[in-house]
């Protein structure tokens, strides 16, 4: 059993909203199903509400915390858990691949968990995708709108760059919604839990993944333009005929396979 942490005022600059609802916490732990033989990493433990339940379930947990004022309280709160480790730092700059290669079980894939601040959630997900080879899965609490974008389907208003890049690298599961009243302070938006499981091999392989990222960015840079206009200078009408894609379509109608096909065609045409 943990000691209670001192009261901490949530900080806007860290985007802090502390999860309080016991039922929601239990439901999150249930879908994660943590075990003692796994490498569990929690980003932003805050005041330890989810942390405690994860530790009770698995007995081991590493956390990454940026707010130095929270760290002493976490050390006191979980002093009697020998499997509890704190890494002080910014998750946006953290080397997750290096972390997986360290510790008592080097090479064991990470299971990453976090109630992510709304203001860093998208860049943090892109950062984690660069370390996907070291990650078994990710479970995040995010703004509901972000989860809907991650799990969107082609043709929907939520489908965009985040959807494509996440689904190129991962299977995405939109698990359940979390209401504002589950937090202190209460946010102005609903949240949701999402699971991302990196593919062992992408279902559709881009020959040049950096170029693929550029193609996706260009495609959704001006969503209302047609593909012909968005890729003017890169692809001519003959190329669109070869690709068997109507150049009059809008980018939000393209699926991951079609965007990979475009990127691979451009890569093959480059000197």
Protein backbone atom coordinates (compact mmCIF):
# COMPACT_ATOMS: atom_id res chain seq x y z
CA UNK A 1 0.00 0.00 0.00
CA UNK A 2 1.41 3.44 -0.91
CA UNK A 3 1.69 6.56 1.22
CA UNK A 4 -0.50 9.45 0.11
CA UNK A 5 1.35 12.20 -1.78
CA UNK A 6 1.16 15.84 -0.70
CA UNK A 7 -1.38 18.01 -2.53
CA UNK A 8 0.12 19.37 -5.74
CA UNK A 9 -1.34 22.22 -7.76
CA UNK A 10 -1.75 21.17 -11.40
CA UNK A 11 0.40 23.26 -13.72
CA UNK A 12 -0.94 24.63 -16.97
CA UNK A 13 2.52 24.76 -18.58
CA UNK A 14 2.80 20.99 -18.15
CA UNK A 15 -0.79 20.44 -19.28
CA UNK A 16 -1.54 18.61 -16.04
CA UNK A 17 -4.96 17.07 -15.41
CA UNK A 18 -4.78 14.40 -12.72
CA UNK A 19 -6.91 11.29 -13.14
CA UNK A 20 -9.00 10.63 -10.02
CA UNK A 21 -11.87 8.27 -10.87
CA UNK A 22 -11.16 4.80 -9.37
CA UNK A 23 -13.50 3.05 -11.80
CA UNK A 24 -11.77 4.58 -14.83
CA UNK A 25 -8.35 3.72 -13.41
CA UNK A 26 -9.36 0.09 -12.86
CA UNK A 27 -10.75 -0.12 -16.38
CA UNK A 28 -7.48 1.22 -17.84
CA UNK A 29 -5.42 -1.28 -15.86
CA UNK A 30 -7.76 -4.06 -17.02
CA UNK A 31 -7.25 -3.29 -20.73
CA UNK A 32 -3.47 -2.97 -20.23
CA UNK A 33 -3.28 -6.25 -18.25
CA UNK A 34 0.23 -5.56 -16.87
CA UNK A 35 2.45 -8.44 -15.72
CA UNK A 36 5.57 -8.69 -13.59
CA UNK A 37 7.64 -10.12 -16.47
CA UNK A 38 7.05 -7.06 -18.67
CA UNK A 39 8.94 -3.78 -19.06
CA UNK A 40 6.29 -1.20 -18.13
CA UNK A 41 6.97 2.49 -18.72
CA UNK A 42 4.54 5.19 -17.58
CA UNK A 43 4.91 8.69 -19.02
CA UNK A 44 3.85 11.47 -16.65
CA UNK A 45 2.72 9.61 -13.52
CA UNK A 46 1.54 12.85 -11.94
CA UNK A 47 0.40 12.10 -8.42
CA UNK A 48 0.45 8.36 -8.95
CA UNK A 49 -3.22 7.38 -9.19
CA UNK A 50 -2.69 5.06 -12.17
CA UNK A 51 0.87 4.31 -11.07
CA UNK A 52 -0.31 2.71 -7.84
CA UNK A 53 -2.75 0.39 -9.61
CA UNK A 54 -0.12 -0.62 -12.17
CA UNK A 55 2.37 -1.39 -9.41
CA UNK A 56 -0.20 -3.37 -7.44
CA UNK A 57 -0.93 -5.43 -10.55
CA UNK A 58 2.62 -5.98 -11.80
CA UNK A 59 5.01 -5.05 -8.99
CA UNK A 60 7.37 -3.36 -11.48
CA UNK A 61 7.09 0.01 -13.20
CA UNK A 62 9.40 2.69 -14.57
CA UNK A 63 8.08 6.23 -14.85
CA UNK A 64 9.24 9.31 -16.75
CA UNK A 65 8.40 12.59 -15.00
CA UNK A 66 9.32 16.13 -16.06
CA UNK A 67 7.89 18.07 -13.11
CA UNK A 68 10.63 18.06 -10.48
CA UNK A 69 8.17 19.08 -7.76
CA UNK A 70 6.29 15.80 -8.19
CA UNK A 71 9.30 13.49 -8.00
CA UNK A 72 9.96 13.65 -4.22
CA UNK A 73 6.31 12.84 -3.54
CA UNK A 74 6.44 9.86 -5.91
CA UNK A 75 9.58 8.54 -4.21
CA UNK A 76 7.88 8.73 -0.82
CA UNK A 77 4.59 7.35 -2.09
CA UNK A 78 6.13 4.25 -3.65
CA UNK A 79 9.22 3.73 -1.49
CA UNK A 80 8.06 0.23 -0.56
CA UNK A 81 7.92 -0.98 -4.17
CA UNK A 82 11.42 -2.26 -5.06
CA UNK A 83 10.37 -2.52 -8.71
CA UNK A 84 9.59 1.22 -8.96
CA UNK A 85 12.07 3.36 -10.92
CA UNK A 86 11.88 7.08 -11.73
CA UNK A 87 13.52 8.63 -14.79
CA UNK A 88 13.56 12.41 -14.52
CA UNK A 89 13.23 14.04 -17.92
CA UNK A 90 11.16 15.21 -20.86
CA UNK A 91 9.45 12.34 -22.69
CA UNK A 92 9.66 14.35 -25.93
CA UNK A 93 13.45 14.14 -25.73
CA UNK A 94 13.71 10.74 -24.10
CA UNK A 95 15.59 7.97 -25.91
CA UNK A 96 13.17 5.04 -25.63
CA UNK A 97 15.34 2.76 -27.78
CA UNK A 98 18.26 3.29 -25.43
CA UNK A 99 16.00 2.66 -22.44
CA UNK A 100 14.93 -0.69 -23.90
CA UNK A 101 18.58 -1.66 -24.31
CA UNK A 102 19.36 -0.89 -20.67
CA UNK A 103 18.32 -2.30 -17.29
CA UNK A 104 18.05 -5.82 -15.94
CA UNK A 105 16.27 -7.12 -19.06
CA UNK A 106 18.02 -5.43 -22.02
CA UNK A 107 16.20 -5.92 -25.29
CA UNK A 108 12.82 -6.63 -23.73
CA UNK A 109 10.24 -4.51 -25.58
CA UNK A 110 8.64 -1.65 -23.70
CA UNK A 111 4.96 -1.34 -22.85
CA UNK A 112 4.38 2.41 -22.76
CA UNK A 113 1.49 3.93 -20.80
CA UNK A 114 0.46 7.49 -20.14
CA UNK A 115 -2.15 10.13 -19.46
CA UNK A 116 -0.59 12.49 -21.98
CA UNK A 117 -0.90 16.28 -21.76
CA UNK A 118 -3.02 17.51 -24.64
CA UNK A 119 -0.39 20.05 -25.73
CA UNK A 120 2.31 17.42 -26.43
CA UNK A 121 0.31 14.32 -27.35
CA UNK A 122 0.76 14.42 -31.14
CA UNK A 123 4.50 15.26 -31.20
CA UNK A 124 5.10 12.67 -28.47
CA UNK A 125 3.35 9.95 -30.48
CA UNK A 126 5.49 10.82 -33.53
CA UNK A 127 8.57 10.68 -31.28
CA UNK A 128 7.58 7.25 -29.94
CA UNK A 129 6.97 5.94 -33.45
CA UNK A 130 10.67 6.49 -34.17
CA UNK A 131 11.38 3.97 -31.37
CA UNK A 132 8.68 1.51 -32.46
CA UNK A 133 11.16 -1.39 -32.82
CA UNK A 134 11.72 -1.20 -29.05
CA UNK A 135 8.01 -0.99 -28.15
CA UNK A 136 5.52 -3.84 -27.73
CA UNK A 137 2.48 -1.59 -27.35
CA UNK A 138 1.26 1.80 -26.14
CA UNK A 139 -1.83 2.71 -24.12
CA UNK A 140 -2.59 6.40 -23.86
CA UNK A 141 -5.23 8.69 -22.45
CA UNK A 142 -5.62 11.47 -25.00
CA UNK A 143 -8.08 14.12 -25.99
CA UNK A 144 -10.99 12.27 -27.60
CA UNK A 145 -10.53 14.20 -30.85
CA UNK A 146 -6.92 13.01 -31.11
CA UNK A 147 -7.92 9.37 -30.54
CA UNK A 148 -10.59 9.70 -33.22
CA UNK A 149 -7.95 11.04 -35.60
CA UNK A 150 -5.58 8.18 -34.77
CA UNK A 151 -8.28 5.56 -35.40
CA UNK A 152 -10.03 7.32 -38.31
CA UNK A 153 -10.89 5.70 -41.63
CA UNK A 154 -10.26 7.13 -45.13
CA UNK A 155 -12.94 9.54 -46.28
CA UNK A 156 -13.89 10.70 -42.79
CA UNK A 157 -13.29 14.26 -41.61
CA UNK A 158 -10.86 12.99 -38.95
CA UNK A 159 -8.65 11.17 -41.49
CA UNK A 160 -5.34 12.97 -41.95
CA UNK A 161 -1.58 12.87 -41.52
CA UNK A 162 -1.73 11.58 -37.93
CA UNK A 163 -4.13 8.79 -38.93
CA UNK A 164 -1.98 7.67 -41.86
CA UNK A 165 1.36 7.72 -40.06
CA UNK A 166 0.00 5.99 -36.95
CA UNK A 167 -1.75 3.29 -38.99
CA UNK A 168 1.26 2.79 -41.27
CA UNK A 169 3.33 1.83 -38.24
CA UNK A 170 0.71 0.48 -35.82
CA UNK A 171 -2.61 -1.21 -35.29
CA UNK A 172 -4.81 1.40 -33.62
CA UNK A 173 -7.68 0.55 -31.26
CA UNK A 174 -10.02 3.24 -29.93
CA UNK A 175 -10.94 1.61 -26.59
CA UNK A 176 -13.27 3.85 -24.57
CA UNK A 177 -14.19 7.42 -23.66
CA UNK A 178 -13.29 9.06 -20.33
CA UNK A 179 -15.51 11.95 -19.15
CA UNK A 180 -14.07 15.29 -17.90
CA UNK A 181 -15.31 14.66 -14.35
CA UNK A 182 -12.77 11.83 -13.98
CA UNK A 183 -10.01 14.48 -13.66
CA UNK A 184 -8.84 17.25 -11.38
CA UNK A 185 -8.82 19.97 -12.61
CA UNK A 186 -11.69 19.11 -14.93
CA UNK A 187 -10.67 19.58 -18.59
CA UNK A 188 -12.98 21.25 -21.07
CA UNK A 189 -12.93 18.25 -23.42
CA UNK A 190 -13.60 14.53 -23.30
CA UNK A 191 -10.70 12.08 -23.25
CA UNK A 192 -10.36 8.55 -24.60
CA UNK A 193 -8.08 5.55 -24.23
CA UNK A 194 -6.23 4.32 -27.31
CA UNK A 195 -4.03 1.28 -27.89
CA UNK A 196 -1.25 1.34 -30.50
CA UNK A 197 0.53 -1.91 -31.37
CA UNK A 198 3.52 -1.50 -33.70
CA UNK A 199 3.45 -3.82 -36.71
CA UNK A 200 6.28 -6.33 -36.91
CA UNK A 201 6.26 -5.39 -40.59
CA UNK A 202 4.04 -2.65 -42.08
CA UNK A 203 1.21 -4.19 -44.16
CA UNK A 204 2.22 -1.84 -47.00
CA UNK A 205 5.96 -1.15 -47.14
CA UNK A 206 7.32 2.22 -48.25
CA UNK A 207 10.74 1.85 -49.91
CA UNK A 208 11.80 5.22 -48.45
CA UNK A 209 9.94 5.96 -45.20
CA UNK A 210 11.26 9.52 -44.96
CA UNK A 211 9.92 10.22 -48.45
CA UNK A 212 6.64 8.54 -47.51
CA UNK A 213 6.35 10.94 -44.57
CA UNK A 214 6.96 13.87 -46.92
CA UNK A 215 4.31 12.60 -49.36
CA UNK A 216 1.74 12.26 -46.56
CA UNK A 217 2.57 15.77 -45.32
CA UNK A 218 2.19 17.20 -48.82
CA UNK A 219 -1.05 15.32 -49.42
CA UNK A 220 -2.74 16.74 -46.32
CA UNK A 221 -1.06 20.15 -46.40
CA UNK A 222 -3.98 21.52 -48.41
CA UNK A 223 -6.84 19.11 -47.90
CA UNK A 224 -9.31 20.88 -50.17
CA UNK A 225 -7.06 20.73 -53.20
CA UNK A 226 -7.10 17.80 -55.60
CA UNK A 227 -4.23 15.34 -55.72
CA UNK A 228 -3.25 16.79 -59.11
CA UNK A 229 -2.77 20.23 -57.56
CA UNK A 230 -1.15 19.01 -54.34
CA UNK A 231 1.47 16.98 -56.22
CA UNK A 232 1.96 19.34 -59.15
CA UNK A 233 5.62 19.11 -60.10
CA UNK A 234 5.99 15.64 -58.60
CA UNK A 235 3.44 13.65 -60.61
CA UNK A 236 2.02 14.25 -64.08
CA UNK A 237 -1.12 12.78 -65.64
CA UNK A 238 0.83 9.81 -67.01
CA UNK A 239 2.04 9.00 -63.49
CA UNK A 240 -1.51 9.09 -62.12
CA UNK A 241 -2.58 6.74 -64.91
CA UNK A 242 0.23 4.36 -64.01
CA UNK A 243 -0.76 4.53 -60.34
CA UNK A 244 -4.43 3.92 -61.28
CA UNK A 245 -5.46 6.74 -58.95
CA UNK A 246 -7.85 9.49 -60.04
CA UNK A 247 -5.90 12.76 -59.75
CA UNK A 248 -9.18 14.61 -59.21
CA UNK A 249 -9.67 13.00 -55.78
CA UNK A 250 -9.13 14.80 -52.49
CA UNK A 251 -6.31 13.60 -50.19
CA UNK A 252 -8.66 12.52 -47.39
CA UNK A 253 -10.05 9.80 -49.69
CA UNK A 254 -6.65 8.05 -50.00
CA UNK A 255 -5.95 5.00 -47.87
CA UNK A 256 -2.54 4.00 -46.50
CA UNK A 257 -1.85 1.57 -49.36
CA UNK A 258 -2.51 4.24 -51.99
CA UNK A 259 -0.24 6.75 -50.26
CA UNK A 260 2.51 4.12 -50.04
CA UNK A 261 2.00 3.41 -53.74
CA UNK A 262 2.42 7.12 -54.56
CA UNK A 263 5.55 7.38 -52.41
CA UNK A 264 7.08 4.27 -53.97
CA UNK A 265 6.37 5.59 -57.46
CA UNK A 266 8.04 8.91 -56.63
CA UNK A 267 11.00 7.07 -55.07
CA UNK A 268 11.41 4.99 -58.24
CA UNK A 269 11.24 8.06 -60.45
CA UNK A 270 13.87 9.97 -58.44
CA UNK A 271 17.43 9.99 -59.82
